PDB file of all heavy atoms in Angstrom:
ATOM      1  N   PHE A   1     126.767 157.484 117.409  1.00  0.00           N
ATOM      2  CA  PHE A   1     127.920 156.792 116.868  1.00  0.00           C
ATOM      3  C   PHE A   1     129.020 156.424 117.928  1.00  0.00           C
ATOM      4  O   PHE A   1     129.433 157.309 118.668  1.00  0.00           O
ATOM      5  CB  PHE A   1     128.570 157.626 115.792  1.00  0.00           C
ATOM      6  CG  PHE A   1     129.897 156.989 115.218  1.00  0.00           C
ATOM      7  CD1 PHE A   1     129.772 156.080 114.199  1.00  0.00           C
ATOM      8  CD2 PHE A   1     131.137 157.469 115.710  1.00  0.00           C
ATOM      9  CE1 PHE A   1     131.034 155.488 113.735  1.00  0.00           C
ATOM     10  CE2 PHE A   1     132.284 156.905 115.192  1.00  0.00           C
ATOM     11  CZ  PHE A   1     132.285 155.960 114.256  1.00  0.00           C
ATOM     12  N   LYS A   2     129.400 155.213 117.934  1.00  0.00           N
ATOM     13  CA  LYS A   2     130.451 154.692 118.826  1.00  0.00           C
ATOM     14  C   LYS A   2     131.370 153.799 118.080  1.00  0.00           C
ATOM     15  O   LYS A   2     130.844 152.877 117.366  1.00  0.00           O
ATOM     16  CB  LYS A   2     129.961 154.051 120.108  1.00  0.00           C
ATOM     17  CG  LYS A   2     129.207 154.975 121.082  1.00  0.00           C
ATOM     18  CD  LYS A   2     128.806 154.225 122.245  1.00  0.00           C
ATOM     19  CE  LYS A   2     128.087 155.242 123.221  1.00  0.00           C
ATOM     20  NZ  LYS A   2     127.640 154.532 124.503  1.00  0.00           N
ATOM     21  N   ALA A   3     132.609 153.979 118.137  1.00  0.00           N
ATOM     22  CA  ALA A   3     133.636 153.150 117.314  1.00  0.00           C
ATOM     23  C   ALA A   3     133.817 151.702 117.737  1.00  0.00           C
ATOM     24  O   ALA A   3     134.140 150.858 117.009  1.00  0.00           O
ATOM     25  CB  ALA A   3     134.972 153.847 117.290  1.00  0.00           C
ATOM     26  N   GLY A   4     133.436 151.442 119.052  1.00  0.00           N
ATOM     27  CA  GLY A   4     133.666 150.139 119.621  1.00  0.00           C
ATOM     28  C   GLY A   4     135.191 149.825 119.872  1.00  0.00           C
ATOM     29  O   GLY A   4     136.031 150.691 119.761  1.00  0.00           O
ATOM     30  N   ARG A   5     135.483 148.622 120.216  1.00  0.00           N
ATOM     31  CA  ARG A   5     136.826 148.262 120.545  1.00  0.00           C
ATOM     32  C   ARG A   5     137.089 146.782 120.092  1.00  0.00           C
ATOM     33  O   ARG A   5     136.239 145.937 120.336  1.00  0.00           O
ATOM     34  CB  ARG A   5     137.086 148.378 122.077  1.00  0.00           C
ATOM     35  CG  ARG A   5     138.601 148.203 122.398  1.00  0.00           C
ATOM     36  CD  ARG A   5     138.805 148.545 123.873  1.00  0.00           C
ATOM     37  NE  ARG A   5     138.392 147.478 124.780  1.00  0.00           N
ATOM     38  CZ  ARG A   5     137.352 147.559 125.559  1.00  0.00           C
ATOM     39  NH1 ARG A   5     136.589 148.622 125.582  1.00  0.00           N
ATOM     40  NH2 ARG A   5     137.013 146.495 126.328  1.00  0.00           N
ATOM     41  N   LEU A   6     138.231 146.549 119.521  1.00  0.00           N
ATOM     42  CA  LEU A   6     138.623 145.199 119.084  1.00  0.00           C
ATOM     43  C   LEU A   6     139.037 144.300 120.268  1.00  0.00           C
ATOM     44  O   LEU A   6     139.578 144.827 121.295  1.00  0.00           O
ATOM     45  CB  LEU A   6     139.781 145.245 118.045  1.00  0.00           C
ATOM     46  CG  LEU A   6     139.390 145.890 116.716  1.00  0.00           C
ATOM     47  CD1 LEU A   6     140.704 145.994 115.855  1.00  0.00           C
ATOM     48  CD2 LEU A   6     138.351 145.108 115.964  1.00  0.00           C
ATOM     49  N   ARG A   7     138.994 143.039 120.100  1.00  0.00           N
ATOM     50  CA  ARG A   7     139.507 142.068 121.092  1.00  0.00           C
ATOM     51  C   ARG A   7     141.037 142.270 121.051  1.00  0.00           C
ATOM     52  O   ARG A   7     141.686 142.382 120.017  1.00  0.00           O
ATOM     53  CB  ARG A   7     139.178 140.663 120.752  1.00  0.00           C
ATOM     54  CG  ARG A   7     137.716 140.330 120.811  1.00  0.00           C
ATOM     55  CD  ARG A   7     137.389 138.918 120.461  1.00  0.00           C
ATOM     56  NE  ARG A   7     138.063 137.942 121.297  1.00  0.00           N
ATOM     57  CZ  ARG A   7     138.133 136.628 121.084  1.00  0.00           C
ATOM     58  NH1 ARG A   7     137.499 136.164 120.005  1.00  0.00           N
ATOM     59  NH2 ARG A   7     138.691 135.874 121.833  1.00  0.00           N
ATOM     60  N   SER A   8     141.617 142.189 122.216  1.00  0.00           N
ATOM     61  CA  SER A   8     143.124 142.306 122.441  1.00  0.00           C
ATOM     62  C   SER A   8     143.807 141.221 121.652  1.00  0.00           C
ATOM     63  O   SER A   8     144.881 141.448 121.024  1.00  0.00           O
ATOM     64  CB  SER A   8     143.506 142.230 123.893  1.00  0.00           C
ATOM     65  OG  SER A   8     142.918 143.321 124.573  1.00  0.00           O
ATOM     66  N   LYS A   9     143.210 139.989 121.556  1.00  0.00           N
ATOM     67  CA  LYS A   9     143.753 138.905 120.849  1.00  0.00           C
ATOM     68  C   LYS A   9     143.940 139.278 119.350  1.00  0.00           C
ATOM     69  O   LYS A   9     144.934 138.916 118.772  1.00  0.00           O
ATOM     70  CB  LYS A   9     142.915 137.645 121.018  1.00  0.00           C
ATOM     71  CG  LYS A   9     143.505 136.437 120.302  1.00  0.00           C
ATOM     72  CD  LYS A   9     142.598 135.221 120.482  1.00  0.00           C
ATOM     73  CE  LYS A   9     143.042 134.024 119.768  1.00  0.00           C
ATOM     74  NZ  LYS A   9     142.143 132.810 119.863  1.00  0.00           N
ATOM     75  N   TYR A  10     142.967 139.893 118.770  1.00  0.00           N
ATOM     76  CA  TYR A  10     142.993 140.274 117.327  1.00  0.00           C
ATOM     77  C   TYR A  10     144.146 141.264 117.179  1.00  0.00           C
ATOM     78  O   TYR A  10     144.900 141.119 116.211  1.00  0.00           O
ATOM     79  CB  TYR A  10     141.682 140.872 116.954  1.00  0.00           C
ATOM     80  CG  TYR A  10     141.617 141.228 115.506  1.00  0.00           C
ATOM     81  CD1 TYR A  10     141.195 140.281 114.497  1.00  0.00           C
ATOM     82  CD2 TYR A  10     141.990 142.522 114.981  1.00  0.00           C
ATOM     83  CE1 TYR A  10     141.207 140.602 113.156  1.00  0.00           C
ATOM     84  CE2 TYR A  10     141.957 142.873 113.647  1.00  0.00           C
ATOM     85  CZ  TYR A  10     141.493 141.901 112.706  1.00  0.00           C
ATOM     86  OH  TYR A  10     141.472 142.184 111.412  1.00  0.00           O
ATOM     87  N   ILE A  11     144.260 142.267 117.984  1.00  0.00           N
ATOM     88  CA  ILE A  11     145.246 143.297 117.824  1.00  0.00           C
ATOM     89  C   ILE A  11     146.648 142.653 118.032  1.00  0.00           C
ATOM     90  O   ILE A  11     147.583 142.903 117.157  1.00  0.00           O
ATOM     91  CB  ILE A  11     145.072 144.468 118.824  1.00  0.00           C
ATOM     92  CG1 ILE A  11     143.758 145.174 118.571  1.00  0.00           C
ATOM     93  CG2 ILE A  11     146.274 145.391 118.820  1.00  0.00           C
ATOM     94  CD1 ILE A  11     143.407 146.210 119.569  1.00  0.00           C
ATOM     95  N   ASN A  12     146.817 141.891 118.984  1.00  0.00           N
ATOM     96  CA  ASN A  12     148.120 141.270 119.250  1.00  0.00           C
ATOM     97  C   ASN A  12     148.537 140.367 118.184  1.00  0.00           C
ATOM     98  O   ASN A  12     149.763 140.306 117.828  1.00  0.00           O
ATOM     99  CB  ASN A  12     148.069 140.545 120.660  1.00  0.00           C
ATOM    100  CG  ASN A  12     147.843 141.386 121.839  1.00  0.00           C
ATOM    101  OD1 ASN A  12     148.230 142.591 121.761  1.00  0.00           O
ATOM    102  ND2 ASN A  12     147.357 140.903 122.967  1.00  0.00           N
ATOM    103  N   THR A  13     147.575 139.655 117.609  1.00  0.00           N
ATOM    104  CA  THR A  13     147.890 138.712 116.440  1.00  0.00           C
ATOM    105  C   THR A  13     148.391 139.457 115.253  1.00  0.00           C
ATOM    106  O   THR A  13     149.393 139.037 114.652  1.00  0.00           O
ATOM    107  CB  THR A  13     146.732 137.786 116.088  1.00  0.00           C
ATOM    108  OG1 THR A  13     146.297 137.020 117.228  1.00  0.00           O
ATOM    109  CG2 THR A  13     147.039 136.818 114.961  1.00  0.00           C
ATOM    110  N   GLN A  14     147.752 140.643 114.970  1.00  0.00           N
ATOM    111  CA  GLN A  14     148.226 141.384 113.840  1.00  0.00           C
ATOM    112  C   GLN A  14     149.600 141.955 114.032  1.00  0.00           C
ATOM    113  O   GLN A  14     150.463 141.928 113.183  1.00  0.00           O
ATOM    114  CB  GLN A  14     147.278 142.585 113.540  1.00  0.00           C
ATOM    115  CG  GLN A  14     145.989 142.134 112.844  1.00  0.00           C
ATOM    116  CD  GLN A  14     145.446 143.205 111.947  1.00  0.00           C
ATOM    117  OE1 GLN A  14     145.791 144.358 112.082  1.00  0.00           O
ATOM    118  NE2 GLN A  14     144.630 142.819 110.969  1.00  0.00           N
ATOM    119  N   VAL A  15     149.877 142.376 115.272  1.00  0.00           N
ATOM    120  CA  VAL A  15     151.234 142.840 115.609  1.00  0.00           C
ATOM    121  C   VAL A  15     152.291 141.632 115.468  1.00  0.00           C
ATOM    122  O   VAL A  15     153.433 141.857 114.963  1.00  0.00           O
ATOM    123  CB  VAL A  15     151.302 143.477 116.964  1.00  0.00           C
ATOM    124  CG1 VAL A  15     152.759 143.927 117.285  1.00  0.00           C
ATOM    125  CG2 VAL A  15     150.438 144.716 117.002  1.00  0.00           C
ATOM    126  N   ASP A  16     151.870 140.474 115.932  1.00  0.00           N
ATOM    127  CA  ASP A  16     152.738 139.321 115.781  1.00  0.00           C
ATOM    128  C   ASP A  16     153.058 139.011 114.324  1.00  0.00           C
ATOM    129  O   ASP A  16     154.228 138.685 114.069  1.00  0.00           O
ATOM    130  CB  ASP A  16     152.126 138.074 116.475  1.00  0.00           C
ATOM    131  CG  ASP A  16     152.015 138.122 117.965  1.00  0.00           C
ATOM    132  OD1 ASP A  16     152.776 138.995 118.539  1.00  0.00           O
ATOM    133  OD2 ASP A  16     151.246 137.452 118.537  1.00  0.00           O
ATOM    134  N   TYR A  17     152.114 139.077 113.488  1.00  0.00           N
ATOM    135  CA  TYR A  17     152.314 138.854 112.067  1.00  0.00           C
ATOM    136  C   TYR A  17     153.132 139.906 111.442  1.00  0.00           C
ATOM    137  O   TYR A  17     154.088 139.615 110.632  1.00  0.00           O
ATOM    138  CB  TYR A  17     151.055 138.731 111.244  1.00  0.00           C
ATOM    139  CG  TYR A  17     150.448 137.339 111.205  1.00  0.00           C
ATOM    140  CD1 TYR A  17     149.667 136.847 112.189  1.00  0.00           C
ATOM    141  CD2 TYR A  17     150.688 136.588 110.032  1.00  0.00           C
ATOM    142  CE1 TYR A  17     149.125 135.561 112.065  1.00  0.00           C
ATOM    143  CE2 TYR A  17     150.155 135.300 109.953  1.00  0.00           C
ATOM    144  CZ  TYR A  17     149.392 134.820 110.944  1.00  0.00           C
ATOM    145  OH  TYR A  17     148.880 133.548 110.860  1.00  0.00           O
ATOM    146  N   ILE A  18     152.987 141.154 111.816  1.00  0.00           N
ATOM    147  CA  ILE A  18     153.825 142.219 111.250  1.00  0.00           C
ATOM    148  C   ILE A  18     155.288 142.011 111.694  1.00  0.00           C
ATOM    149  O   ILE A  18     156.202 142.128 110.852  1.00  0.00           O
ATOM    150  CB  ILE A  18     153.363 143.620 111.888  1.00  0.00           C
ATOM    151  CG1 ILE A  18     151.974 143.981 111.278  1.00  0.00           C
ATOM    152  CG2 ILE A  18     154.350 144.691 111.534  1.00  0.00           C
ATOM    153  CD1 ILE A  18     151.383 145.203 111.970  1.00  0.00           C
ATOM    154  N   ASN A  19     155.462 141.643 112.945  1.00  0.00           N
ATOM    155  CA  ASN A  19     156.842 141.452 113.396  1.00  0.00           C
ATOM    156  C   ASN A  19     157.465 140.092 112.797  1.00  0.00           C
ATOM    157  O   ASN A  19     158.637 140.118 112.685  1.00  0.00           O
ATOM    158  CB  ASN A  19     156.863 141.462 114.910  1.00  0.00           C
ATOM    159  CG  ASN A  19     156.688 142.858 115.467  1.00  0.00           C
ATOM    160  OD1 ASN A  19     157.097 143.858 114.814  1.00  0.00           O
ATOM    161  ND2 ASN A  19     156.120 142.954 116.688  1.00  0.00           N
ATOM    162  N   TYR A  20     156.660 139.093 112.580  1.00  0.00           N
ATOM    163  CA  TYR A  20     157.187 137.891 111.938  1.00  0.00           C
ATOM    164  C   TYR A  20     157.685 138.294 110.561  1.00  0.00           C
ATOM    165  O   TYR A  20     158.837 137.916 110.131  1.00  0.00           O
ATOM    166  CB  TYR A  20     156.112 136.864 111.862  1.00  0.00           C
ATOM    167  CG  TYR A  20     156.501 135.736 110.902  1.00  0.00           C
ATOM    168  CD1 TYR A  20     157.437 134.847 111.118  1.00  0.00           C
ATOM    169  CD2 TYR A  20     155.871 135.650 109.598  1.00  0.00           C
ATOM    170  CE1 TYR A  20     157.785 133.778 110.274  1.00  0.00           C
ATOM    171  CE2 TYR A  20     156.197 134.643 108.782  1.00  0.00           C
ATOM    172  CZ  TYR A  20     157.150 133.740 109.046  1.00  0.00           C
ATOM    173  OH  TYR A  20     157.553 132.787 108.151  1.00  0.00           O
ATOM    174  N   TYR A  21     156.909 139.004 109.754  1.00  0.00           N
ATOM    175  CA  TYR A  21     157.367 139.392 108.441  1.00  0.00           C
ATOM    176  C   TYR A  21     158.550 140.275 108.480  1.00  0.00           C
ATOM    177  O   TYR A  21     159.402 140.157 107.653  1.00  0.00           O
ATOM    178  CB  TYR A  21     156.134 140.003 107.673  1.00  0.00           C
ATOM    179  CG  TYR A  21     155.099 138.966 107.195  1.00  0.00           C
ATOM    180  CD1 TYR A  21     153.756 139.208 107.464  1.00  0.00           C
ATOM    181  CD2 TYR A  21     155.478 137.756 106.584  1.00  0.00           C
ATOM    182  CE1 TYR A  21     152.782 138.319 107.114  1.00  0.00           C
ATOM    183  CE2 TYR A  21     154.468 136.891 106.217  1.00  0.00           C
ATOM    184  CZ  TYR A  21     153.181 137.132 106.485  1.00  0.00           C
ATOM    185  OH  TYR A  21     152.265 136.147 106.123  1.00  0.00           O
ATOM    186  N   ARG A  22     158.559 141.208 109.390  1.00  0.00           N
ATOM    187  CA  ARG A  22     159.652 142.141 109.467  1.00  0.00           C
ATOM    188  C   ARG A  22     160.961 141.352 109.855  1.00  0.00           C
ATOM    189  O   ARG A  22     162.060 141.681 109.391  1.00  0.00           O
ATOM    190  CB  ARG A  22     159.415 143.226 110.539  1.00  0.00           C
ATOM    191  CG  ARG A  22     158.446 144.338 110.014  1.00  0.00           C
ATOM    192  CD  ARG A  22     158.165 145.384 111.123  1.00  0.00           C
ATOM    193  NE  ARG A  22     159.297 146.118 111.533  1.00  0.00           N
ATOM    194  CZ  ARG A  22     159.748 147.196 110.871  1.00  0.00           C
ATOM    195  NH1 ARG A  22     159.100 147.619 109.792  1.00  0.00           N
ATOM    196  NH2 ARG A  22     160.815 147.837 111.295  1.00  0.00           N
ATOM    197  N   SER A  23     160.880 140.277 110.607  1.00  0.00           N
ATOM    198  CA  SER A  23     162.008 139.535 110.968  1.00  0.00           C
ATOM    199  C   SER A  23     162.606 138.837 109.785  1.00  0.00           C
ATOM    200  O   SER A  23     163.837 138.588 109.732  1.00  0.00           O
ATOM    201  CB  SER A  23     161.658 138.517 112.052  1.00  0.00           C
ATOM    202  OG  SER A  23     160.833 137.474 111.547  1.00  0.00           O
ATOM    203  N   LEU A  24     161.809 138.492 108.793  1.00  0.00           N
ATOM    204  CA  LEU A  24     162.300 137.836 107.534  1.00  0.00           C
ATOM    205  C   LEU A  24     163.298 138.777 106.808  1.00  0.00           C
ATOM    206  O   LEU A  24     164.151 138.270 106.115  1.00  0.00           O
ATOM    207  CB  LEU A  24     161.201 137.496 106.607  1.00  0.00           C
ATOM    208  CG  LEU A  24     160.209 136.370 107.028  1.00  0.00           C
ATOM    209  CD1 LEU A  24     159.004 136.315 106.113  1.00  0.00           C
ATOM    210  CD2 LEU A  24     160.868 135.056 107.095  1.00  0.00           C
ATOM    211  N   PHE A  25     163.115 140.107 107.047  1.00  0.00           N
ATOM    212  CA  PHE A  25     163.958 141.056 106.384  1.00  0.00           C
ATOM    213  C   PHE A  25     164.999 141.684 107.319  1.00  0.00           C
ATOM    214  O   PHE A  25     165.632 142.638 106.895  1.00  0.00           O
ATOM    215  CB  PHE A  25     163.016 142.161 105.826  1.00  0.00           C
ATOM    216  CG  PHE A  25     162.017 141.710 104.800  1.00  0.00           C
ATOM    217  CD1 PHE A  25     160.842 141.141 105.188  1.00  0.00           C
ATOM    218  CD2 PHE A  25     162.317 141.760 103.431  1.00  0.00           C
ATOM    219  CE1 PHE A  25     159.940 140.698 104.286  1.00  0.00           C
ATOM    220  CE2 PHE A  25     161.347 141.268 102.493  1.00  0.00           C
ATOM    221  CZ  PHE A  25     160.181 140.747 102.897  1.00  0.00           C
ATOM    222  N   GLY A  26     165.122 141.129 108.525  1.00  0.00           N
ATOM    223  CA  GLY A  26     166.085 141.631 109.437  1.00  0.00           C
ATOM    224  C   GLY A  26     165.719 142.885 110.142  1.00  0.00           C
ATOM    225  O   GLY A  26     166.598 143.597 110.612  1.00  0.00           O
ATOM    226  N   LEU A  27     164.412 143.255 110.105  1.00  0.00           N
ATOM    227  CA  LEU A  27     163.945 144.569 110.589  1.00  0.00           C
ATOM    228  C   LEU A  27     163.548 144.373 112.058  1.00  0.00           C
ATOM    229  O   LEU A  27     163.074 143.308 112.483  1.00  0.00           O
ATOM    230  CB  LEU A  27     162.811 145.023 109.811  1.00  0.00           C
ATOM    231  CG  LEU A  27     163.115 145.401 108.306  1.00  0.00           C
ATOM    232  CD1 LEU A  27     161.858 145.642 107.519  1.00  0.00           C
ATOM    233  CD2 LEU A  27     163.978 146.662 108.227  1.00  0.00           C
ATOM    234  N   SER A  28     163.645 145.494 112.814  1.00  0.00           N
ATOM    235  CA  SER A  28     163.334 145.469 114.217  1.00  0.00           C
ATOM    236  C   SER A  28     161.819 145.426 114.393  1.00  0.00           C
ATOM    237  O   SER A  28     161.044 145.873 113.564  1.00  0.00           O
ATOM    238  CB  SER A  28     163.904 146.681 114.912  1.00  0.00           C
ATOM    239  OG  SER A  28     163.429 147.819 114.232  1.00  0.00           O
ATOM    240  N   PRO A  29     161.343 144.771 115.512  1.00  0.00           N
ATOM    241  CA  PRO A  29     159.902 144.726 115.733  1.00  0.00           C
ATOM    242  C   PRO A  29     159.240 146.092 116.042  1.00  0.00           C
ATOM    243  O   PRO A  29     159.948 146.988 116.471  1.00  0.00           O
ATOM    244  CB  PRO A  29     159.801 143.734 116.984  1.00  0.00           C
ATOM    245  CG  PRO A  29     161.185 143.903 117.633  1.00  0.00           C
ATOM    246  CD  PRO A  29     162.169 144.214 116.573  1.00  0.00           C
ATOM    247  N   VAL A  30     158.000 146.158 115.879  1.00  0.00           N
ATOM    248  CA  VAL A  30     157.213 147.348 116.169  1.00  0.00           C
ATOM    249  C   VAL A  30     156.268 147.086 117.319  1.00  0.00           C
ATOM    250  O   VAL A  30     155.975 145.990 117.583  1.00  0.00           O
ATOM    251  CB  VAL A  30     156.459 147.899 114.938  1.00  0.00           C
ATOM    252  CG1 VAL A  30     157.394 148.210 113.807  1.00  0.00           C
ATOM    253  CG2 VAL A  30     155.454 146.928 114.450  1.00  0.00           C
TER     254      VAL A  30
END
């Protein structure tokens, strides 16, 4: 068993979406 690794683009895009939605509520980025 090996877990593998995601593409950096995928991870970065998810973080970008998290921070976009948090910005709608005036919340600081993660």
